PDB file of N, CA and C in Angstrom:
ATOM      1  N   ALA A   1      -9.563  10.915  38.503  1.00  0.00           N
ATOM      2  CA  ALA A   1     -10.704  12.089  38.680  1.00  0.00           C
ATOM      3  C   ALA A   1     -10.213  12.954  37.393  1.00  0.00           C
ATOM      4  N   SER A   2     -11.422  13.303  36.526  1.00  0.00           N
ATOM      5  CA  SER A   2     -11.336  13.593  35.719  1.00  0.00           C
ATOM      6  C   SER A   2     -10.622  15.098  35.008  1.00  0.00           C
ATOM      7  N   THR A   3      -9.903  15.294  34.265  1.00  0.00           N
ATOM      8  CA  THR A   3      -9.517  16.900  34.015  1.00  0.00           C
ATOM      9  C   THR A   3      -9.846  17.869  32.802  1.00  0.00           C
ATOM     10  N   GLY A   4     -11.574  16.829  32.183  1.00  0.00           N
ATOM     11  CA  GLY A   4     -12.043  18.114  31.416  1.00  0.00           C
ATOM     12  C   GLY A   4     -11.236  17.812  29.979  1.00  0.00           C
ATOM     13  N   LYS A   5     -10.475  17.534  29.976  1.00  0.00           N
ATOM     14  CA  LYS A   5      -8.938  17.533  29.135  1.00  0.00           C
ATOM     15  C   LYS A   5      -9.344  16.333  27.701  1.00  0.00           C
ATOM     16  N   ARG A   6      -8.941  16.200  26.532  1.00  0.00           N
ATOM     17  CA  ARG A   6      -9.007  15.257  25.572  1.00  0.00           C
ATOM     18  C   ARG A   6      -7.851  14.973  25.670  1.00  0.00           C
ATOM     19  N   PRO A   7      -7.575  13.297  25.714  1.00  0.00           N
ATOM     20  CA  PRO A   7      -6.025  12.918  25.206  1.00  0.00           C
ATOM     21  C   PRO A   7      -5.402  13.572  24.266  1.00  0.00           C
ATOM     22  N   ASP A   8      -4.353  14.002  23.781  1.00  0.00           N
ATOM     23  CA  ASP A   8      -3.635  14.698  22.697  1.00  0.00           C
ATOM     24  C   ASP A   8      -3.578  13.263  21.895  1.00  0.00           C
ATOM     25  N   VAL A   9      -3.027  11.968  22.048  1.00  0.00           N
ATOM     26  CA  VAL A   9      -3.232  11.253  20.970  1.00  0.00           C
ATOM     27  C   VAL A   9      -3.777   9.877  21.788  1.00  0.00           C
ATOM     28  N   ILE A  10      -4.084   8.746  20.915  1.00  0.00           N
ATOM     29  CA  ILE A  10      -4.691   7.626  21.638  1.00  0.00           C
ATOM     30  C   ILE A  10      -3.639   6.534  21.155  1.00  0.00           C
ATOM     31  N   VAL A  11      -3.266   5.677  21.993  1.00  0.00           N
ATOM     32  CA  VAL A  11      -2.282   5.151  21.595  1.00  0.00           C
ATOM     33  C   VAL A  11      -3.105   3.141  22.266  1.00  0.00           C
ATOM     34  N   GLY A  12      -3.690   3.016  21.329  1.00  0.00           N
ATOM     35  CA  GLY A  12      -4.281   1.891  21.548  1.00  0.00           C
ATOM     36  C   GLY A  12      -5.368   0.949  20.099  1.00  0.00           C
ATOM     37  N   LYS A  13      -5.607  -0.211  20.050  1.00  0.00           N
ATOM     38  CA  LYS A  13      -6.679  -0.045  19.090  1.00  0.00           C
ATOM     39  C   LYS A  13      -7.991   0.687  19.181  1.00  0.00           C
ATOM     40  N   PRO A  14      -8.359   1.134  18.267  1.00  0.00           N
ATOM     41  CA  PRO A  14      -7.972   0.628  16.827  1.00  0.00           C
ATOM     42  C   PRO A  14      -7.212   1.881  16.160  1.00  0.00           C
ATOM     43  N   HIS A  15      -6.697   2.265  16.841  1.00  0.00           N
ATOM     44  CA  HIS A  15      -6.021   3.749  16.696  1.00  0.00           C
ATOM     45  C   HIS A  15      -4.567   3.825  15.665  1.00  0.00           C
ATOM     46  N   GLN A  16      -4.581   4.112  14.810  1.00  0.00           N
ATOM     47  CA  GLN A  16      -2.594   4.489  13.925  1.00  0.00           C
ATOM     48  C   GLN A  16      -1.806   4.539  14.881  1.00  0.00           C
ATOM     49  N   PRO A  17      -1.626   5.409  16.335  1.00  0.00           N
ATOM     50  CA  PRO A  17      -0.662   5.649  16.368  1.00  0.00           C
ATOM     51  C   PRO A  17      -0.017   3.735  17.211  1.00  0.00           C
ATOM     52  N   ILE A  18      -0.781   3.275  17.518  1.00  0.00           N
ATOM     53  CA  ILE A  18      -0.263   1.999  17.318  1.00  0.00           C
ATOM     54  C   ILE A  18       0.725   0.924  17.042  1.00  0.00           C
ATOM     55  N   ILE A  19       0.501   0.980  15.452  1.00  0.00           N
ATOM     56  CA  ILE A  19       0.915   0.238  14.710  1.00  0.00           C
ATOM     57  C   ILE A  19       2.116   1.498  14.263  1.00  0.00           C
ATOM     58  N   GLU A  20       2.193   2.490  14.247  1.00  0.00           N
ATOM     59  CA  GLU A  20       3.119   3.470  13.618  1.00  0.00           C
ATOM     60  C   GLU A  20       4.239   2.649  15.179  1.00  0.00           C
ATOM     61  N   ALA A  21       4.329   2.616  16.458  1.00  0.00           N
ATOM     62  CA  ALA A  21       5.160   2.299  17.650  1.00  0.00           C
ATOM     63  C   ALA A  21       5.136   0.930  16.907  1.00  0.00           C
ATOM     64  N   VAL A  22       4.414   0.214  16.790  1.00  0.00           N
ATOM     65  CA  VAL A  22       5.131  -1.579  16.455  1.00  0.00           C
ATOM     66  C   VAL A  22       6.344  -1.271  15.206  1.00  0.00           C
ATOM     67  N   VAL A  23       5.719  -0.504  13.972  1.00  0.00           N
ATOM     68  CA  VAL A  23       6.562  -0.281  13.373  1.00  0.00           C
ATOM     69  C   VAL A  23       8.235   0.076  13.634  1.00  0.00           C
ATOM     70  N   GLU A  24       7.823   1.527  14.253  1.00  0.00           N
ATOM     71  CA  GLU A  24       9.449   1.952  14.561  1.00  0.00           C
ATOM     72  C   GLU A  24      10.033   1.221  15.729  1.00  0.00           C
ATOM     73  N   ARG A  25       9.805   0.315  16.810  1.00  0.00           N
ATOM     74  CA  ARG A  25      10.181  -0.237  17.593  1.00  0.00           C
ATOM     75  C   ARG A  25      10.310  -1.233  16.866  1.00  0.00           C
ATOM     76  N   THR A  26       9.892  -1.895  16.317  1.00  0.00           N
ATOM     77  CA  THR A  26      10.218  -3.321  15.372  1.00  0.00           C
ATOM     78  C   THR A  26      11.234  -3.236  13.896  1.00  0.00           C
ATOM     79  N   ALA A  27      11.192  -1.797  13.641  1.00  0.00           N
ATOM     80  CA  ALA A  27      11.282  -1.675  11.852  1.00  0.00           C
ATOM     81  C   ALA A  27      10.999  -2.675  11.069  1.00  0.00           C
ATOM     82  N   THR A  28       9.776  -3.307  11.445  1.00  0.00           N
ATOM     83  CA  THR A  28       8.835  -4.262  10.468  1.00  0.00           C
ATOM     84  C   THR A  28       8.056  -2.937   9.664  1.00  0.00           C
ATOM     85  N   PRO A  29       8.021  -3.441   8.415  1.00  0.00           N
ATOM     86  CA  PRO A  29       7.439  -2.423   7.265  1.00  0.00           C
ATOM     87  C   PRO A  29       5.683  -2.710   7.877  1.00  0.00           C
ATOM     88  N   VAL A  30       4.820  -2.098   7.271  1.00  0.00           N
ATOM     89  CA  VAL A  30       3.159  -2.208   7.667  1.00  0.00           C
ATOM     90  C   VAL A  30       2.629  -2.888   6.896  1.00  0.00           C
ATOM     91  N   GLU A  31       4.060  -3.990   5.672  1.00  0.00           N
ATOM     92  CA  GLU A  31       2.888  -4.868   4.881  1.00  0.00           C
ATOM     93  C   GLU A  31       2.983  -5.618   5.046  1.00  0.00           C
ATOM     94  N   GLN A  32       3.838  -5.828   6.057  1.00  0.00           N
ATOM     95  CA  GLN A  32       4.283  -7.700   7.245  1.00  0.00           C
ATOM     96  C   GLN A  32       3.675  -7.387   8.466  1.00  0.00           C
ATOM     97  N   ILE A  33       3.341  -6.689   8.912  1.00  0.00           N
ATOM     98  CA  ILE A  33       2.115  -6.639   9.985  1.00  0.00           C
ATOM     99  C   ILE A  33       1.016  -7.180   9.646  1.00  0.00           C
ATOM    100  N   CYS A  34       0.182  -8.293  10.408  1.00  0.00           N
ATOM    101  CA  CYS A  34      -0.934  -8.634  10.700  1.00  0.00           C
ATOM    102  C   CYS A  34      -1.822  -8.838  12.185  1.00  0.00           C
ATOM    103  N   MET A  35      -3.093  -8.395  12.023  1.00  0.00           N
ATOM    104  CA  MET A  35      -3.839  -7.991  13.368  1.00  0.00           C
ATOM    105  C   MET A  35      -4.584  -9.688  13.698  1.00  0.00           C
ATOM    106  N   VAL A  36      -4.310 -10.269  14.291  1.00  0.00           N
ATOM    107  CA  VAL A  36      -5.651 -11.420  14.177  1.00  0.00           C
ATOM    108  C   VAL A  36      -6.035 -11.388  15.513  1.00  0.00           C
ATOM    109  N   GLY A  37      -7.577 -11.049  15.504  1.00  0.00           N
ATOM    110  CA  GLY A  37      -8.535 -10.967  17.061  1.00  0.00           C
ATOM    111  C   GLY A  37      -9.940 -11.286  16.507  1.00  0.00           C
ATOM    112  N   ASP A  38     -11.007 -11.193  17.442  1.00  0.00           N
ATOM    113  CA  ASP A  38     -12.110 -11.699  17.012  1.00  0.00           C
ATOM    114  C   ASP A  38     -12.463 -10.485  17.307  1.00  0.00           C
ATOM    115  N   ARG A  39     -12.676  -9.476  17.324  1.00  0.00           N
ATOM    116  CA  ARG A  39     -13.398  -8.250  17.238  1.00  0.00           C
ATOM    117  C   ARG A  39     -13.381  -7.228  16.369  1.00  0.00           C
ATOM    118  N   LEU A  40     -14.674  -7.210  15.702  1.00  0.00           N
ATOM    119  CA  LEU A  40     -14.515  -6.146  14.488  1.00  0.00           C
ATOM    120  C   LEU A  40     -13.896  -4.597  14.910  1.00  0.00           C
ATOM    121  N   TYR A  41     -14.618  -4.373  15.546  1.00  0.00           N
ATOM    122  CA  TYR A  41     -14.494  -2.891  15.883  1.00  0.00           C
ATOM    123  C   TYR A  41     -13.193  -2.616  16.603  1.00  0.00           C
ATOM    124  N   THR A  42     -12.319  -3.214  16.956  1.00  0.00           N
ATOM    125  CA  THR A  42     -10.992  -2.923  17.354  1.00  0.00           C
ATOM    126  C   THR A  42     -10.014  -3.342  16.538  1.00  0.00           C
ATOM    127  N   ASP A  43      -9.711  -4.978  16.705  1.00  0.00           N
ATOM    128  CA  ASP A  43      -8.695  -5.859  16.017  1.00  0.00           C
ATOM    129  C   ASP A  43      -8.878  -5.670  14.424  1.00  0.00           C
ATOM    130  N   ILE A  44     -10.098  -5.895  13.988  1.00  0.00           N
ATOM    131  CA  ILE A  44     -10.188  -5.986  12.900  1.00  0.00           C
ATOM    132  C   ILE A  44     -10.100  -4.146  12.367  1.00  0.00           C
ATOM    133  N   ALA A  45     -10.344  -3.451  12.385  1.00  0.00           N
ATOM    134  CA  ALA A  45     -10.395  -2.093  12.207  1.00  0.00           C
ATOM    135  C   ALA A  45      -8.915  -1.394  12.240  1.00  0.00           C
ATOM    136  N   LEU A  46      -7.977  -2.066  12.625  1.00  0.00           N
ATOM    137  CA  LEU A  46      -6.327  -2.031  12.548  1.00  0.00           C
ATOM    138  C   LEU A  46      -6.406  -1.910  11.019  1.00  0.00           C
ATOM    139  N   GLY A  47      -6.965  -2.430  10.392  1.00  0.00           N
ATOM    140  CA  GLY A  47      -6.563  -2.749   8.728  1.00  0.00           C
ATOM    141  C   GLY A  47      -6.675  -1.258   8.220  1.00  0.00           C
ATOM    142  N   ALA A  48      -7.352  -0.505   8.853  1.00  0.00           N
ATOM    143  CA  ALA A  48      -7.490   0.952   8.153  1.00  0.00           C
ATOM    144  C   ALA A  48      -5.928   1.601   8.569  1.00  0.00           C
ATOM    145  N   ALA A  49      -5.028   1.372   9.247  1.00  0.00           N
ATOM    146  CA  ALA A  49      -3.777   1.501   9.611  1.00  0.00           C
ATOM    147  C   ALA A  49      -2.767   1.088   8.087  1.00  0.00           C
ATOM    148  N   GLY A  50      -3.413   0.201   7.690  1.00  0.00           N
ATOM    149  CA  GLY A  50      -3.159  -0.389   6.337  1.00  0.00           C
ATOM    150  C   GLY A  50      -2.039  -1.987   6.853  1.00  0.00           C
ATOM    151  N   ILE A  51      -2.860  -2.361   7.607  1.00  0.00           N
ATOM    152  CA  ILE A  51      -1.806  -4.026   8.199  1.00  0.00           C
ATOM    153  C   ILE A  51      -3.049  -4.950   7.483  1.00  0.00           C
ATOM    154  N   LYS A  52      -2.607  -5.986   7.079  1.00  0.00           N
ATOM    155  CA  LYS A  52      -3.666  -6.902   7.234  1.00  0.00           C
ATOM    156  C   LYS A  52      -4.449  -7.882   8.903  1.00  0.00           C
ATOM    157  N   THR A  53      -5.598  -8.617   8.297  1.00  0.00           N
ATOM    158  CA  THR A  53      -5.974  -8.394   9.578  1.00  0.00           C
ATOM    159  C   THR A  53      -6.738 -10.096   9.192  1.00  0.00           C
ATOM    160  N   VAL A  54      -6.834 -11.054  10.397  1.00  0.00           N
ATOM    161  CA  VAL A  54      -7.490 -11.805  10.701  1.00  0.00           C
ATOM    162  C   VAL A  54      -8.684 -12.001  11.468  1.00  0.00           C
ATOM    163  N   LEU A  55      -9.625 -12.377  10.504  1.00  0.00           N
ATOM    164  CA  LEU A  55     -10.435 -12.199  12.292  1.00  0.00           C
ATOM    165  C   LEU A  55     -11.127 -14.084  12.649  1.00  0.00           C
ATOM    166  N   VAL A  56     -11.340 -14.010  13.914  1.00  0.00           N
ATOM    167  CA  VAL A  56     -11.134 -15.299  14.571  1.00  0.00           C
ATOM    168  C   VAL A  56     -12.338 -15.450  15.010  1.00  0.00           C
ATOM    169  N   LEU A  57     -13.646 -16.412  14.637  1.00  0.00           N
ATOM    170  CA  LEU A  57     -15.083 -16.723  15.368  1.00  0.00           C
ATOM    171  C   LEU A  57     -15.248 -17.220  16.741  1.00  0.00           C
ATOM    172  N   SER A  58     -13.958 -17.463  17.097  1.00  0.00           N
ATOM    173  CA  SER A  58     -13.652 -18.216  18.548  1.00  0.00           C
ATOM    174  C   SER A  58     -13.848 -17.022  19.893  1.00  0.00           C
ATOM    175  N   GLY A  59     -14.635 -16.078  19.223  1.00  0.00           N
ATOM    176  CA  GLY A  59     -14.391 -14.817  20.364  1.00  0.00           C
ATOM    177  C   GLY A  59     -16.067 -14.010  19.894  1.00  0.00           C
ATOM    178  N   GLU A  60     -15.774 -12.833  20.067  1.00  0.00           N
ATOM    179  CA  GLU A  60     -16.866 -12.406  20.518  1.00  0.00           C
ATOM    180  C   GLU A  60     -18.061 -12.323  18.930  1.00  0.00           C
ATOM    181  N   THR A  61     -17.526 -12.103  17.798  1.00  0.00           N
ATOM    182  CA  THR A  61     -18.083 -12.319  16.362  1.00  0.00           C
ATOM    183  C   THR A  61     -18.537 -13.136  16.060  1.00  0.00           C
ATOM    184  N   GLN A  62     -19.524 -12.749  15.602  1.00  0.00           N
ATOM    185  CA  GLN A  62     -20.771 -14.045  14.723  1.00  0.00           C
ATOM    186  C   GLN A  62     -20.679 -13.880  12.931  1.00  0.00           C
ATOM    187  N   PRO A  63     -20.487 -15.167  12.619  1.00  0.00           N
ATOM    188  CA  PRO A  63     -20.568 -14.713  10.769  1.00  0.00           C
ATOM    189  C   PRO A  63     -21.295 -13.849  10.590  1.00  0.00           C
ATOM    190  N   GLU A  64     -22.896 -13.667  11.304  1.00  0.00           N
ATOM    191  CA  GLU A  64     -23.744 -12.756  10.447  1.00  0.00           C
ATOM    192  C   GLU A  64     -22.878 -11.494  11.052  1.00  0.00           C
ATOM    193  N   ASP A  65     -22.084 -11.473  11.636  1.00  0.00           N
ATOM    194  CA  ASP A  65     -22.004  -9.499  12.107  1.00  0.00           C
ATOM    195  C   ASP A  65     -21.136  -9.022  10.671  1.00  0.00           C
ATOM    196  N   ILE A  66     -20.285  -9.822   9.812  1.00  0.00           N
ATOM    197  CA  ILE A  66     -19.428  -9.616   9.622  1.00  0.00           C
ATOM    198  C   ILE A  66     -19.740  -8.988   8.155  1.00  0.00           C
ATOM    199  N   PRO A  67     -20.754  -9.090   7.209  1.00  0.00           N
ATOM    200  CA  PRO A  67     -21.041  -8.330   6.313  1.00  0.00           C
ATOM    201  C   PRO A  67     -21.378  -6.640   6.200  1.00  0.00           C
ATOM    202  N   ASN A  68     -22.158  -6.531   7.644  1.00  0.00           N
ATOM    203  CA  ASN A  68     -22.314  -5.145   7.971  1.00  0.00           C
ATOM    204  C   ASN A  68     -21.140  -4.280   8.944  1.00  0.00           C
ATOM    205  N   ALA A  69     -19.886  -4.771   8.920  1.00  0.00           N
ATOM    206  CA  ALA A  69     -18.845  -4.267   9.511  1.00  0.00           C
ATOM    207  C   ALA A  69     -18.538  -3.202   8.670  1.00  0.00           C
ATOM    208  N   PRO A  70     -18.233  -2.436   9.308  1.00  0.00           N
ATOM    209  CA  PRO A  70     -17.537  -1.052   8.369  1.00  0.00           C
ATOM    210  C   PRO A  70     -15.661  -1.503   7.813  1.00  0.00           C
ATOM    211  N   HIS A  71     -15.453  -2.536   8.864  1.00  0.00           N
ATOM    212  CA  HIS A  71     -13.620  -3.061   8.515  1.00  0.00           C
ATOM    213  C   HIS A  71     -14.234  -4.208   8.196  1.00  0.00           C
ATOM    214  N   GLN A  72     -13.715  -4.607   7.047  1.00  0.00           N
ATOM    215  CA  GLN A  72     -13.592  -6.152   6.584  1.00  0.00           C
ATOM    216  C   GLN A  72     -12.193  -7.011   6.754  1.00  0.00           C
ATOM    217  N   PRO A  73     -12.472  -8.132   7.739  1.00  0.00           N
ATOM    218  CA  PRO A  73     -10.773  -8.594   7.384  1.00  0.00           C
ATOM    219  C   PRO A  73     -10.412  -9.432   6.120  1.00  0.00           C
ATOM    220  N   ASP A  74      -9.076  -9.350   6.227  1.00  0.00           N
ATOM    221  CA  ASP A  74      -8.604 -10.083   4.801  1.00  0.00           C
ATOM    222  C   ASP A  74      -8.790 -11.632   5.182  1.00  0.00           C
ATOM    223  N   LEU A  75      -8.868 -12.228   6.213  1.00  0.00           N
ATOM    224  CA  LEU A  75      -9.526 -13.438   6.221  1.00  0.00           C
ATOM    225  C   LEU A  75      -9.925 -13.776   7.456  1.00  0.00           C
ATOM    226  N   VAL A  76     -11.059 -14.535   6.764  1.00  0.00           N
ATOM    227  CA  VAL A  76     -11.824 -15.170   8.407  1.00  0.00           C
ATOM    228  C   VAL A  76     -11.702 -16.686   8.895  1.00  0.00           C
ATOM    229  N   GLN A  77     -11.527 -17.184   9.933  1.00  0.00           N
ATOM    230  CA  GLN A  77     -11.019 -18.430  10.365  1.00  0.00           C
ATOM    231  C   GLN A  77     -11.635 -18.820  11.460  1.00  0.00           C
ATOM    232  N   GLN A  78     -12.112 -20.128  11.599  1.00  0.00           N
ATOM    233  CA  GLN A  78     -13.049 -20.197  12.941  1.00  0.00           C
ATOM    234  C   GLN A  78     -12.282 -19.895  14.247  1.00  0.00           C
ATOM    235  N   ASN A  79     -11.183 -20.688  14.000  1.00  0.00           N
ATOM    236  CA  ASN A  79     -10.399 -20.481  15.544  1.00  0.00           C
ATOM    237  C   ASN A  79      -8.886 -20.511  15.243  1.00  0.00           C
ATOM    238  N   LEU A  80      -7.971 -19.990  16.617  1.00  0.00           N
ATOM    239  CA  LEU A  80      -6.593 -20.401  15.987  1.00  0.00           C
ATOM    240  C   LEU A  80      -6.252 -21.696  15.186  1.00  0.00           C
ATOM    241  N   ALA A  81      -6.581 -23.096  15.884  1.00  0.00           N
ATOM    242  CA  ALA A  81      -6.336 -23.901  15.569  1.00  0.00           C
ATOM    243  C   ALA A  81      -5.928 -24.275  13.687  1.00  0.00           C
ATOM    244  N   GLU A  82      -7.839 -23.458  13.610  1.00  0.00           N
ATOM    245  CA  GLU A  82      -7.562 -23.505  11.922  1.00  0.00           C
ATOM    246  C   GLU A  82      -6.767 -22.117  11.396  1.00  0.00           C
ATOM    247  N   LEU A  83      -6.441 -21.388  12.059  1.00  0.00           N
ATOM    248  CA  LEU A  83      -5.308 -20.256  10.944  1.00  0.00           C
ATOM    249  C   LEU A  83      -3.862 -21.138  11.539  1.00  0.00           C
ATOM    250  N   ARG A  84      -4.008 -21.603  12.404  1.00  0.00           N
ATOM    251  CA  ARG A  84      -2.706 -22.598  12.262  1.00  0.00           C
ATOM    252  C   ARG A  84      -2.329 -23.239  11.256  1.00  0.00           C
ATOM    253  N   ALA A  85      -3.562 -24.303  11.015  1.00  0.00           N
ATOM    254  CA  ALA A  85      -2.912 -24.788   9.838  1.00  0.00           C
ATOM    255  C   ALA A  85      -3.325 -23.856   8.313  1.00  0.00           C
ATOM    256  N   THR A  86      -4.696 -22.654   8.425  1.00  0.00           N
ATOM    257  CA  THR A  86      -4.069 -22.585   7.288  1.00  0.00           C
ATOM    258  C   THR A  86      -2.137 -22.425   6.932  1.00  0.00           C
ATOM    259  N   LEU A  87      -2.133 -21.441   8.073  1.00  0.00           N
ATOM    260  CA  LEU A  87      -0.301 -20.619   8.217  1.00  0.00           C
ATOM    261  C   LEU A  87       0.918 -21.544   7.705  1.00  0.00           C
ATOM    262  N   ARG A  88       0.161 -22.917   8.266  1.00  0.00           N
ATOM    263  CA  ARG A  88       1.374 -24.481   7.834  1.00  0.00           C
ATOM    264  C   ARG A  88       1.143 -24.763   6.141  1.00  0.00           C
ATOM    265  N   GLN A  89      -0.098 -24.486   5.339  1.00  0.00           N
ATOM    266  CA  GLN A  89      -0.242 -24.657   4.499  1.00  0.00           C
ATOM    267  C   GLN A  89       0.353 -24.155   3.687  1.00  0.00           C
ATOM    268  N   VAL A  90       0.250 -22.426   3.846  1.00  0.00           N
ATOM    269  CA  VAL A  90       0.512 -21.688   2.947  1.00  0.00           C
ATOM    270  C   VAL A  90       1.873 -21.781   2.898  1.00  0.00           C
ATOM    271  N   MET A  91       3.640 -22.359   4.193  1.00  0.00           N
ATOM    272  CA  MET A  91       4.208 -21.687   4.227  1.00  0.00           C
ATOM    273  C   MET A  91       4.376 -23.311   3.400  1.00  0.00           C
ATOM    274  N   SER A  92       4.169 -24.206   3.480  1.00  0.00           N
ATOM    275  CA  SER A  92       4.739 -25.446   2.820  1.00  0.00           C
ATOM    276  C   SER A  92       4.675 -25.316   1.254  1.00  0.00           C
ATOM    277  N   ASN A  93       3.486 -24.785   0.942  1.00  0.00           N
ATOM    278  CA  ASN A  93       3.186 -24.029  -0.802  1.00  0.00           C
ATOM    279  C   ASN A  93       4.395 -22.828  -0.781  1.00  0.00           C
ATOM    280  N   ARG A  94       4.837 -22.210  -0.596  1.00  0.00           N
ATOM    281  CA  ARG A  94       5.899 -21.456  -0.406  1.00  0.00           C
ATOM    282  C   ARG A  94       7.372 -22.138  -0.604  1.00  0.00           C
ATOM    283  N   GLN A  95       7.194 -23.240   0.470  1.00  0.00           N
ATOM    284  CA  GLN A  95       8.436 -23.959   0.449  1.00  0.00           C
ATOM    285  C   GLN A  95       9.142 -24.825  -1.342  1.00  0.00           C
ATOM    286  N   ASP A  96       7.838 -24.957  -2.272  1.00  0.00           N
ATOM    287  CA  ASP A  96       7.544 -26.120  -3.129  1.00  0.00           C
ATOM    288  C   ASP A  96       8.043 -25.538  -4.129  1.00  0.00           C
TER     289      ASP A  96
END
């Protein structure tokens, strides 16, 4: 049943307290956190909390949705397999 009271804090996507909780619990700096997801309005909106974001197009979002989105992803990949290949290439280049 509804109490009629609004929550004091919302801890969930795309609200900043979820990132603060990750930082606190893992001691990971915000600059080293990245959200991978398929929804512009939740997953990618977390970029407003200072993290990097990767949009995968294997789910809800279509390419034509991206230009008008209020939050833009740092990287767009077709699917997780493409992201995996991209990460392997980046890591390989770092070791050279």
